[in-house]
Amino acid sequence: MYSDNPGAEQAVHELDRTDVECYMISGGKVFERYFDCPLGNHPDGKRVKVFVRHIVPIDKLDQMHKLPFLLYLQGGPGFPSMFPGNVKSAWHAAAIEHGHQLLLLDQRGTGLSKPRISWETLDSDKDLATDEQKAEYLTHFRADNIVRDCEHIRKVLTKGRTDPESQKLILLGQSFGGFCITTYLSLHPEGVSKAMITGGVPPITAPGPYEVYDRLYPRMISRNQQYYGKYPQDVERIRKIIKYLDQNEVLLPNGGRLSPRRFQQLGLEFGFAGGFDTVHLIVVNCEQDLATMGKLGYNTLNAIQMQQFWDTSVIYAILHEAIYCQEGTVSGWAAHRVRMDKYCKEFECRWEELEKEPGRPVYMTGETVHPWMLDDYAELRPLKRVGELLAEYKGWTKLYDEAQLAKNTVPVSGISYYKDMFVDVGLSEECAAKIKGFQQWVTNEYTHNGLFDDTRVFARLFDLLKGDITDL
């Protein structure tokens, strides 16, 4: 029987398997591959299946045994790689022009990787009978184990290659994917030939998540001010919506509660290009519903539910603050604590307080998680105790090795966005200064998703890698 264990004897190389599903897209051939990876840092015991969509340029199929692999690490945590309809647009085309075959990873627990984390899959696992067992299991879904999955996959795919450089991966990481790259450079730099980070140079100098969010709340305030500057009439519109939600029990199609504090979370969109317009359209539809029906209609409620993906991305909700936890750090609902400690007035959403100040705008929140989400979101309710246990967890492992980063020899470049609402540019610059040879590009031209907004981003990052960092 075939095994993807790189230490096992294999009759057929992974790239030559005939049982792998494959199909054509515009410009490339796609191979859908699964890898059996250890759950934790030990080869024995529980395992997970990790899915990779492997894309080879259509004109280079005969070279797939020697073409370098570019592995893309998706943002999140808790999201799979997007399915590419073709490889002639966005960064995919630029990567292929540079002579790469692509690996699009569904990080463990997401997409087609098995099991995809939800309360249903956790509840169906007989080995995870208690909330404590479920919480302990989920501690294995951070960047350190994602990197170990990548190393396992790398060794399988490059088995038999004799050129040491062709055995390594080129890494491209968006947002949280950049956090994973920094962990990769800390734990397994021997597996990386080059690395590019977009909007995800991590805040490794921050003591913990509280300090991270303390930097991010002012950025949320700034983006709210810009939003109301563009749509000044939305000040009163949103006040009316908040009043209605405060005085009525409003349920979304899946049974979740649309509270004022949940409505504020639409502000997450302010971090992306076009996000102001997305929120404005929802606000206008809410106003129209209230004026014509005296309530929010199904279409509007469904649009709000579809815009908020915490229900369908459980990892994003209950492990989000854990991505900032180094060894010995407790997350403790850091974003919520910062809000209550320092920005309670700015983000007030109780109508009894708001009506005392006519004309005062209601500020929307960004990429923040709060304990009340475990009540307001239908799919998070069954995991309420699990989320609380993870917020109290003290056993997080080390994600970054500053000593290793200080002697880094892997060419690495990164773009940081001056107006980024999700990753503080100041903390990103502090991190870049700690990675030897890091070529950083700081710009105010994009928000957070510049990689997808402009094909020039990938080309510029690749150009930045051309210098020899060993002399720096």
Protein backbone atom coordinates (compact mmCIF):
# COMPACT_ATOMS: atom_id res chain seq x y z
CA MET A 1 0.00 0.00 0.00
CA TYR A 2 1.22 3.48 -0.85
CA SER A 3 2.43 5.63 2.07
CA ASP A 4 3.20 9.33 2.05
CA ASN A 5 5.70 8.81 4.88
CA PRO A 6 8.96 10.22 3.42
CA GLY A 7 10.94 7.62 5.36
CA ALA A 8 9.04 4.68 3.87
CA GLU A 9 9.94 2.77 0.74
CA GLN A 10 7.70 3.96 -2.07
CA ALA A 11 7.06 2.09 -5.26
CA VAL A 12 5.66 5.24 -6.87
CA HIS A 13 6.79 8.83 -6.34
CA GLU A 14 4.07 11.15 -5.10
CA LEU A 15 4.19 13.16 -8.34
CA ASP A 16 3.66 10.03 -10.43
CA ARG A 17 0.66 8.61 -8.60
CA THR A 18 -2.22 7.60 -10.86
CA ASP A 19 -4.80 7.60 -8.05
CA VAL A 20 -4.57 11.36 -7.51
CA GLU A 21 -7.51 13.33 -8.88
CA CYS A 22 -6.44 15.86 -11.50
CA TYR A 23 -8.08 18.27 -13.92
CA MET A 24 -7.29 21.24 -16.13
CA ILE A 25 -7.82 24.93 -15.47
CA SER A 26 -6.86 27.80 -17.72
CA GLY A 27 -3.06 27.77 -17.89
CA GLY A 28 -2.38 24.78 -15.67
CA LYS A 29 -3.04 21.23 -14.54
CA VAL A 30 -4.27 20.69 -10.99
CA PHE A 31 -3.45 17.68 -8.82
CA GLU A 32 -5.42 17.25 -5.58
CA ARG A 33 -3.14 15.72 -2.95
CA TYR A 34 -3.66 14.59 0.65
CA PHE A 35 -0.91 14.09 3.22
CA ASP A 36 -1.11 12.15 6.46
CA CYS A 37 0.52 14.39 9.09
CA PRO A 38 1.10 13.94 12.83
CA LEU A 39 -1.25 16.00 14.99
CA GLY A 40 1.56 17.26 17.21
CA ASN A 41 5.34 17.22 17.41
CA HIS A 42 5.52 13.43 17.64
CA PRO A 43 5.29 10.92 14.77
CA ASP A 44 3.09 8.50 16.73
CA GLY A 45 -0.48 9.03 17.83
CA LYS A 46 -3.37 10.98 16.33
CA ARG A 47 -2.98 12.31 12.81
CA VAL A 48 -4.69 14.75 10.47
CA LYS A 49 -5.13 14.77 6.69
CA VAL A 50 -3.78 17.92 5.05
CA PHE A 51 -4.96 18.88 1.57
CA VAL A 52 -2.82 20.62 -1.05
CA ARG A 53 -3.93 21.79 -4.47
CA HIS A 54 -0.84 21.31 -6.67
CA ILE A 55 -0.78 23.35 -9.90
CA VAL A 56 1.72 22.80 -12.71
CA PRO A 57 1.97 25.24 -15.65
CA ILE A 58 0.40 23.60 -18.67
CA ASP A 59 3.52 24.06 -20.80
CA LYS A 60 5.85 22.60 -18.15
CA LEU A 61 4.21 19.33 -17.20
CA ASP A 62 7.26 17.41 -18.34
CA GLN A 63 9.39 19.41 -15.85
CA MET A 64 7.31 18.89 -12.70
CA HIS A 65 9.99 16.63 -11.16
CA LYS A 66 12.49 19.49 -11.13
CA LEU A 67 10.52 22.75 -11.12
CA PRO A 68 10.77 24.57 -7.77
CA PHE A 69 7.71 24.53 -5.54
CA LEU A 70 6.13 27.78 -4.38
CA LEU A 71 3.94 27.13 -1.34
CA TYR A 72 1.21 29.67 -0.60
CA LEU A 73 0.16 30.16 3.03
CA GLN A 74 -3.32 31.63 3.38
CA GLY A 75 -4.39 34.34 5.81
CA GLY A 76 -6.56 33.63 8.80
CA PRO A 77 -6.20 31.63 10.92
CA GLY A 78 -8.91 29.21 9.91
CA PHE A 79 -9.33 29.72 6.16
CA PRO A 80 -8.42 27.48 3.21
CA SER A 81 -6.66 28.65 0.08
CA MET A 82 -9.02 30.08 -2.50
CA PHE A 83 -9.75 27.95 -5.55
CA PRO A 84 -8.06 29.50 -8.60
CA GLY A 85 -10.26 29.50 -11.70
CA ASN A 86 -7.12 30.03 -13.74
CA VAL A 87 -3.45 30.81 -13.30
CA LYS A 88 -3.39 33.81 -15.60
CA SER A 89 -4.40 36.43 -13.07
CA ALA A 90 -3.39 37.84 -9.67
CA TRP A 91 -0.12 36.59 -8.19
CA HIS A 92 -0.48 33.09 -9.66
CA ALA A 93 0.52 34.28 -13.12
CA ALA A 94 3.58 36.12 -11.81
CA ALA A 95 4.69 33.06 -9.84
CA ILE A 96 4.39 30.81 -12.87
CA GLU A 97 6.27 33.33 -15.02
CA HIS A 98 9.15 32.94 -12.57
CA GLY A 99 9.19 29.19 -13.30
CA HIS A 100 7.36 27.78 -10.27
CA GLN A 101 4.79 25.09 -9.72
CA LEU A 102 2.31 26.07 -7.03
CA LEU A 103 1.17 24.43 -3.81
CA LEU A 104 -2.04 25.90 -2.36
CA LEU A 105 -2.38 24.59 1.18
CA ASP A 106 -5.62 24.17 3.06
CA GLN A 107 -4.11 24.61 6.51
CA ARG A 108 -5.01 21.85 8.95
CA GLY A 109 -8.60 22.07 10.07
CA THR A 110 -9.74 24.11 7.04
CA GLY A 111 -11.17 23.49 3.59
CA LEU A 112 -10.61 19.95 2.32
CA SER A 113 -8.11 19.10 5.06
CA LYS A 114 -9.61 16.54 7.42
CA PRO A 115 -11.23 16.99 9.79
CA ARG A 116 -12.43 20.50 9.02
CA ILE A 117 -12.88 22.06 12.44
CA SER A 118 -16.46 22.78 13.48
CA TRP A 119 -18.49 21.97 16.57
CA GLU A 120 -20.02 19.06 14.63
CA THR A 121 -16.70 17.41 13.72
CA LEU A 122 -15.36 17.90 17.22
CA ASP A 123 -18.55 16.48 18.73
CA SER A 124 -18.45 13.42 16.47
CA ASP A 125 -14.90 12.44 17.52
CA LYS A 126 -15.24 9.77 20.20
CA ASP A 127 -11.78 10.65 21.54
CA LEU A 128 -12.94 14.20 22.29
CA ALA A 129 -15.79 13.53 24.67
CA THR A 130 -15.20 16.48 27.01
CA ASP A 131 -14.73 20.19 26.46
CA GLU A 132 -11.29 19.87 28.02
CA GLN A 133 -10.29 17.24 25.45
CA LYS A 134 -11.64 19.37 22.61
CA ALA A 135 -9.70 22.40 23.83
CA GLU A 136 -6.46 20.42 24.17
CA TYR A 137 -6.93 19.05 20.64
CA LEU A 138 -7.37 22.57 19.23
CA THR A 139 -4.07 23.72 20.74
CA HIS A 140 -2.44 21.79 17.87
CA PHE A 141 -3.82 24.10 15.18
CA ARG A 142 -1.40 27.02 15.42
CA ALA A 143 1.48 28.10 13.20
CA ASP A 144 4.07 25.72 14.68
CA ASN A 145 2.14 22.63 13.62
CA ILE A 146 1.13 24.17 10.29
CA VAL A 147 4.85 24.57 9.61
CA ARG A 148 5.51 20.95 10.58
CA ASP A 149 2.81 19.91 8.10
CA CYS A 150 4.59 21.91 5.39
CA GLU A 151 7.90 20.27 6.22
CA HIS A 152 6.32 16.83 6.01
CA ILE A 153 4.78 17.69 2.64
CA ARG A 154 8.05 19.17 1.36
CA LYS A 155 9.99 15.99 2.15
CA VAL A 156 7.42 13.83 0.43
CA LEU A 157 7.23 15.92 -2.74
CA THR A 158 10.99 16.44 -3.13
CA LYS A 159 12.03 12.88 -2.28
CA GLY A 160 14.70 11.75 -4.71
CA ARG A 161 15.80 15.21 -5.85
CA THR A 162 19.58 15.53 -5.75
CA ASP A 163 19.94 19.31 -6.00
CA PRO A 164 19.73 20.66 -2.40
CA GLU A 165 18.11 23.92 -3.52
CA SER A 166 15.37 22.11 -5.45
CA GLN A 167 14.50 20.25 -2.24
CA LYS A 168 13.50 23.52 -0.58
CA LEU A 169 10.28 25.51 -0.80
CA ILE A 170 9.73 29.08 -1.92
CA LEU A 171 7.17 30.57 0.50
CA LEU A 172 4.53 33.21 -0.09
CA GLY A 173 2.41 34.17 2.91
CA GLN A 174 -0.56 36.53 3.11
CA SER A 175 -1.45 38.02 6.52
CA PHE A 176 -1.44 35.08 9.00
CA GLY A 177 0.48 33.21 6.31
CA GLY A 178 3.32 35.65 6.95
CA PHE A 179 3.19 34.77 10.64
CA CYS A 180 3.58 31.12 9.61
CA ILE A 181 6.58 31.99 7.42
CA THR A 182 8.30 33.68 10.36
CA THR A 183 7.67 30.54 12.41
CA TYR A 184 9.06 28.48 9.50
CA LEU A 185 12.24 30.58 9.47
CA SER A 186 12.50 30.01 13.22
CA LEU A 187 11.90 26.25 13.33
CA HIS A 188 12.91 24.86 9.93
CA PRO A 189 14.91 27.38 7.86
CA GLU A 190 16.64 24.45 6.14
CA GLY A 191 13.40 23.80 4.23
CA VAL A 192 13.12 27.29 2.73
CA SER A 193 14.97 28.78 -0.24
CA LYS A 194 13.15 32.15 -0.38
CA ALA A 195 10.25 33.76 1.46
CA MET A 196 7.85 36.60 0.69
CA ILE A 197 5.42 38.07 3.22
CA THR A 198 2.44 40.25 2.31
CA GLY A 199 0.63 42.16 5.05
CA GLY A 200 1.78 39.67 7.67
CA VAL A 201 5.09 40.58 9.29
CA PRO A 202 4.14 39.43 12.81
CA PRO A 203 4.31 41.48 16.03
CA ILE A 204 6.96 39.31 17.69
CA THR A 205 8.18 42.19 19.89
CA ALA A 206 4.78 42.61 21.57
CA PRO A 207 4.66 40.82 24.96
CA GLY A 208 1.24 39.38 24.13
CA PRO A 209 -2.11 39.94 22.41
CA TYR A 210 -3.16 42.76 24.76
CA GLU A 211 -0.33 44.95 23.50
CA VAL A 212 -1.14 44.01 19.89
CA TYR A 213 -4.76 45.17 20.19
CA ASP A 214 -3.73 48.28 22.08
CA ARG A 215 -1.96 49.27 18.85
CA LEU A 216 -4.85 48.26 16.59
CA TYR A 217 -7.79 50.06 18.22
CA PRO A 218 -6.54 53.52 17.15
CA ARG A 219 -6.34 52.18 13.59
CA MET A 220 -9.97 51.05 13.82
CA ILE A 221 -10.95 54.52 14.99
CA SER A 222 -9.10 56.09 12.07
CA ARG A 223 -10.84 53.84 9.55
CA ASN A 224 -14.25 54.66 11.11
CA GLN A 225 -13.52 58.35 10.72
CA GLN A 226 -12.63 57.81 7.07
CA TYR A 227 -15.82 55.78 6.55
CA TYR A 228 -18.07 58.47 7.99
CA GLY A 229 -16.11 61.03 6.02
CA LYS A 230 -17.13 59.23 2.86
CA TYR A 231 -20.69 58.42 3.97
CA PRO A 232 -21.67 61.12 6.51
CA GLN A 233 -25.38 60.24 6.34
CA ASP A 234 -24.55 56.79 7.69
CA VAL A 235 -23.98 58.33 11.12
CA GLU A 236 -27.74 58.67 11.64
CA ARG A 237 -28.56 55.54 9.69
CA ILE A 238 -26.36 53.36 11.91
CA ARG A 239 -27.65 55.05 15.06
CA LYS A 240 -31.21 54.09 14.03
CA ILE A 241 -30.10 50.51 13.34
CA ILE A 242 -28.34 50.24 16.70
CA LYS A 243 -31.45 51.60 18.47
CA TYR A 244 -33.64 49.01 16.74
CA LEU A 245 -31.29 46.13 17.56
CA ASP A 246 -30.97 47.28 21.16
CA GLN A 247 -34.74 47.34 21.63
CA ASN A 248 -35.61 44.18 19.70
CA GLU A 249 -34.52 40.55 19.69
CA VAL A 250 -33.35 39.99 16.10
CA LEU A 251 -32.38 36.51 14.92
CA LEU A 252 -30.39 35.72 11.81
CA PRO A 253 -31.39 32.88 9.45
CA ASN A 254 -29.17 30.34 11.22
CA GLY A 255 -30.45 31.28 14.67
CA GLY A 256 -27.64 33.60 15.65
CA ARG A 257 -28.49 36.85 17.43
CA LEU A 258 -27.93 40.14 15.63
CA SER A 259 -27.09 42.29 18.64
CA PRO A 260 -25.75 45.86 18.37
CA ARG A 261 -22.27 44.60 19.28
CA ARG A 262 -22.45 41.98 16.53
CA PHE A 263 -23.62 44.57 14.00
CA GLN A 264 -20.51 46.59 14.89
CA GLN A 265 -18.37 43.68 13.69
CA LEU A 266 -19.26 44.54 10.11
CA GLY A 267 -16.41 47.02 10.51
CA LEU A 268 -14.02 44.17 9.78
CA GLU A 269 -14.63 45.07 6.14
CA PHE A 270 -13.02 48.48 6.70
CA GLY A 271 -9.67 46.72 6.53
CA PHE A 272 -10.07 45.78 2.87
CA ALA A 273 -10.25 47.72 -0.38
CA GLY A 274 -13.92 48.36 -1.14
CA GLY A 275 -14.95 47.54 2.42
CA PHE A 276 -16.52 50.95 3.04
CA ASP A 277 -18.87 50.41 0.12
CA THR A 278 -19.77 46.88 1.27
CA VAL A 279 -20.84 48.12 4.70
CA HIS A 280 -22.63 51.17 3.30
CA LEU A 281 -24.81 48.97 1.07
CA ILE A 282 -25.83 46.85 4.06
CA VAL A 283 -26.59 49.99 6.09
CA VAL A 284 -28.77 51.46 3.34
CA ASN A 285 -30.68 48.18 3.00
CA CYS A 286 -31.24 48.09 6.75
CA GLU A 287 -32.61 51.63 6.66
CA GLN A 288 -34.96 50.79 3.81
CA ASP A 289 -36.26 47.68 5.60
CA LEU A 290 -36.94 49.59 8.79
CA ALA A 291 -38.72 52.36 6.88
CA THR A 292 -40.95 50.05 4.83
CA MET A 293 -41.52 47.06 7.13
CA GLY A 294 -40.53 48.21 10.58
CA LYS A 295 -38.07 45.30 10.79
CA LEU A 296 -35.05 43.85 9.02
CA GLY A 297 -36.03 41.59 6.14
CA TYR A 298 -34.67 38.16 5.30
CA ASN A 299 -32.48 39.34 2.43
CA THR A 300 -30.76 41.92 4.61
CA LEU A 301 -30.32 39.53 7.53
CA ASN A 302 -28.92 36.88 5.21
CA ALA A 303 -26.49 39.40 3.69
CA ILE A 304 -25.24 40.29 7.18
CA GLN A 305 -24.86 36.62 8.13
CA MET A 306 -22.98 35.86 4.92
CA GLN A 307 -20.65 38.80 5.55
CA GLN A 308 -19.70 37.51 9.01
CA PHE A 309 -17.77 34.25 8.67
CA TRP A 310 -17.13 33.50 12.36
CA ASP A 311 -19.80 30.76 12.24
CA THR A 312 -18.12 28.91 9.38
CA SER A 313 -14.52 29.50 10.47
CA VAL A 314 -14.40 28.29 14.06
CA ILE A 315 -10.59 28.40 14.22
CA TYR A 316 -10.71 32.08 13.26
CA ALA A 317 -13.03 32.78 16.17
CA ILE A 318 -11.68 30.77 19.09
CA LEU A 319 -7.99 30.52 18.18
CA HIS A 320 -7.50 34.01 16.79
CA GLU A 321 -5.86 35.57 19.83
CA ALA A 322 -3.71 32.46 20.32
CA ILE A 323 -1.69 33.38 17.21
CA TYR A 324 -0.15 36.17 19.31
CA CYS A 325 0.67 33.95 22.30
CA GLN A 326 4.28 33.04 22.77
CA GLU A 327 5.41 30.58 25.42
CA GLY A 328 3.82 31.34 28.81
CA THR A 329 1.31 33.89 27.47
CA VAL A 330 -2.45 33.76 28.13
CA SER A 331 -4.78 35.47 25.66
CA GLY A 332 -7.59 36.12 28.16
CA TRP A 333 -9.91 37.84 25.64
CA ALA A 334 -7.29 40.53 25.09
CA ALA A 335 -9.18 42.52 22.44
CA HIS A 336 -12.23 42.74 24.69
CA ARG A 337 -10.13 43.81 27.67
CA VAL A 338 -8.44 46.57 25.68
CA ARG A 339 -11.83 47.81 24.51
CA MET A 340 -13.24 47.90 28.04
CA ASP A 341 -10.07 49.33 29.59
CA LYS A 342 -9.28 52.09 27.09
CA TYR A 343 -11.84 52.45 24.31
CA CYS A 344 -15.19 51.73 25.94
CA LYS A 345 -16.61 55.18 25.16
CA GLU A 346 -15.43 55.24 21.54
CA PHE A 347 -17.07 51.87 20.79
CA GLU A 348 -20.19 52.34 22.92
CA CYS A 349 -23.21 50.53 21.41
CA ARG A 350 -25.84 50.72 24.18
CA TRP A 351 -28.67 52.95 23.07
CA GLU A 352 -29.31 54.29 26.57
CA GLU A 353 -25.85 55.85 26.42
CA LEU A 354 -25.87 56.83 22.75
CA GLU A 355 -29.12 58.76 22.94
CA LYS A 356 -27.52 61.11 25.46
CA GLU A 357 -25.23 62.36 22.68
CA PRO A 358 -27.25 63.11 19.52
CA GLY A 359 -25.23 62.93 16.33
CA ARG A 360 -22.42 60.91 17.82
CA PRO A 361 -21.20 58.21 15.39
CA VAL A 362 -21.19 54.56 16.38
CA TYR A 363 -17.75 53.15 15.71
CA MET A 364 -17.51 49.70 14.15
CA THR A 365 -14.96 47.14 15.31
CA GLY A 366 -12.32 45.31 13.29
CA GLU A 367 -10.56 41.97 13.63
CA THR A 368 -11.39 41.51 17.31
CA VAL A 369 -12.90 38.56 19.15
CA HIS A 370 -15.02 38.86 22.29
CA PRO A 371 -16.43 36.42 24.86
CA TRP A 372 -20.03 37.35 23.99
CA MET A 373 -19.52 35.96 20.48
CA LEU A 374 -19.90 32.51 22.01
CA ASP A 375 -23.52 33.49 22.71
CA ASP A 376 -24.41 35.58 19.64
CA TYR A 377 -23.06 33.22 16.96
CA ALA A 378 -25.12 30.05 16.55
CA GLU A 379 -22.24 27.79 15.52
CA LEU A 380 -20.03 28.98 18.37
CA ARG A 381 -22.56 28.37 21.14
CA PRO A 382 -21.84 24.62 21.45
CA LEU A 383 -18.14 25.49 21.85
CA LYS A 384 -18.62 28.15 24.51
CA ARG A 385 -16.74 26.27 27.23
CA VAL A 386 -14.04 25.22 24.75
CA GLY A 387 -13.50 28.86 23.77
CA GLU A 388 -13.29 29.87 27.42
CA LEU A 389 -10.73 27.15 28.14
CA LEU A 390 -8.56 28.26 25.23
CA ALA A 391 -8.72 31.87 26.43
CA GLU A 392 -7.40 30.66 29.80
CA TYR A 393 -4.82 28.24 28.36
CA LYS A 394 -1.27 28.66 29.70
CA GLY A 395 0.61 25.98 27.82
CA TRP A 396 1.23 27.67 24.46
CA THR A 397 4.53 26.74 22.84
CA LYS A 398 7.16 29.04 21.38
CA LEU A 399 6.35 30.29 17.87
CA TYR A 400 9.44 32.36 17.09
CA ASP A 401 13.14 31.94 17.76
CA GLU A 402 14.73 35.38 17.77
CA ALA A 403 18.24 33.94 17.99
CA GLN A 404 17.64 31.92 14.82
CA LEU A 405 16.02 34.88 13.06
CA ALA A 406 19.03 37.05 13.94
CA LYS A 407 21.32 34.72 12.00
CA ASN A 408 18.88 34.04 9.17
CA THR A 409 20.41 33.22 5.78
CA VAL A 410 17.17 32.75 3.83
CA PRO A 411 16.37 35.63 1.45
CA VAL A 412 13.13 37.17 2.76
CA SER A 413 11.12 40.19 1.68
CA GLY A 414 7.88 41.65 2.94
CA ILE A 415 5.35 44.36 2.28
CA SER A 416 3.74 46.19 5.20
CA TYR A 417 0.79 48.51 4.71
CA TYR A 418 0.88 51.83 6.50
CA LYS A 419 -2.93 51.90 6.86
CA ASP A 420 -3.31 48.21 7.72
CA MET A 421 -6.12 47.77 10.28
CA PHE A 422 -5.12 44.19 11.11
CA VAL A 423 -1.32 44.26 11.43
CA ASP A 424 0.33 47.26 13.05
CA VAL A 425 3.04 48.61 10.77
CA GLY A 426 5.19 49.76 13.70
CA LEU A 427 5.31 46.28 15.20
CA SER A 428 5.99 44.86 11.73
CA GLU A 429 9.01 47.13 11.33
CA GLU A 430 10.32 46.01 14.72
CA CYS A 431 10.01 42.38 13.63
CA ALA A 432 11.67 42.99 10.26
CA ALA A 433 14.63 44.55 12.05
CA LYS A 434 15.13 41.31 13.97
CA ILE A 435 15.32 39.08 10.87
CA LYS A 436 18.74 39.24 9.28
CA GLY A 437 18.57 40.42 5.69
CA PHE A 438 14.86 41.19 5.70
CA GLN A 439 14.02 43.46 2.75
CA GLN A 440 10.95 45.44 3.87
CA TRP A 441 8.69 47.54 1.71
CA VAL A 442 6.30 49.90 3.55
CA THR A 443 3.58 51.59 1.53
CA ASN A 444 0.28 53.44 1.95
CA GLU A 445 -0.90 52.47 -1.54
CA TYR A 446 -2.86 49.43 -0.34
CA THR A 447 -4.86 48.36 2.72
CA HIS A 448 -4.36 44.70 3.66
CA ASN A 449 -4.90 42.61 0.54
CA GLY A 450 -2.49 44.28 -1.86
CA LEU A 451 -1.36 40.87 -3.13
CA PHE A 452 -4.79 40.39 -4.71
CA ASP A 453 -5.40 44.00 -5.64
CA ASP A 454 -2.29 44.51 -7.77
CA THR A 455 -0.09 41.98 -9.60
CA ARG A 456 2.87 44.34 -9.13
CA VAL A 457 3.07 43.41 -5.44
CA PHE A 458 4.37 39.90 -6.09
CA ALA A 459 6.81 41.12 -8.75
CA ARG A 460 8.22 43.77 -6.41
CA LEU A 461 8.63 41.31 -3.55
CA PHE A 462 10.44 38.89 -5.86
CA ASP A 463 12.74 41.67 -7.02
CA LEU A 464 13.59 42.50 -3.41
CA LEU A 465 14.88 38.94 -2.95
CA LYS A 466 17.64 39.32 -5.50
CA GLY A 467 20.21 40.77 -3.08
CA ASP A 468 22.69 38.45 -1.38
CA ILE A 469 21.76 38.71 2.32
CA THR A 470 24.73 36.71 3.60
CA ASP A 471 26.88 39.86 3.59
CA LEU A 472 24.35 42.01 5.47
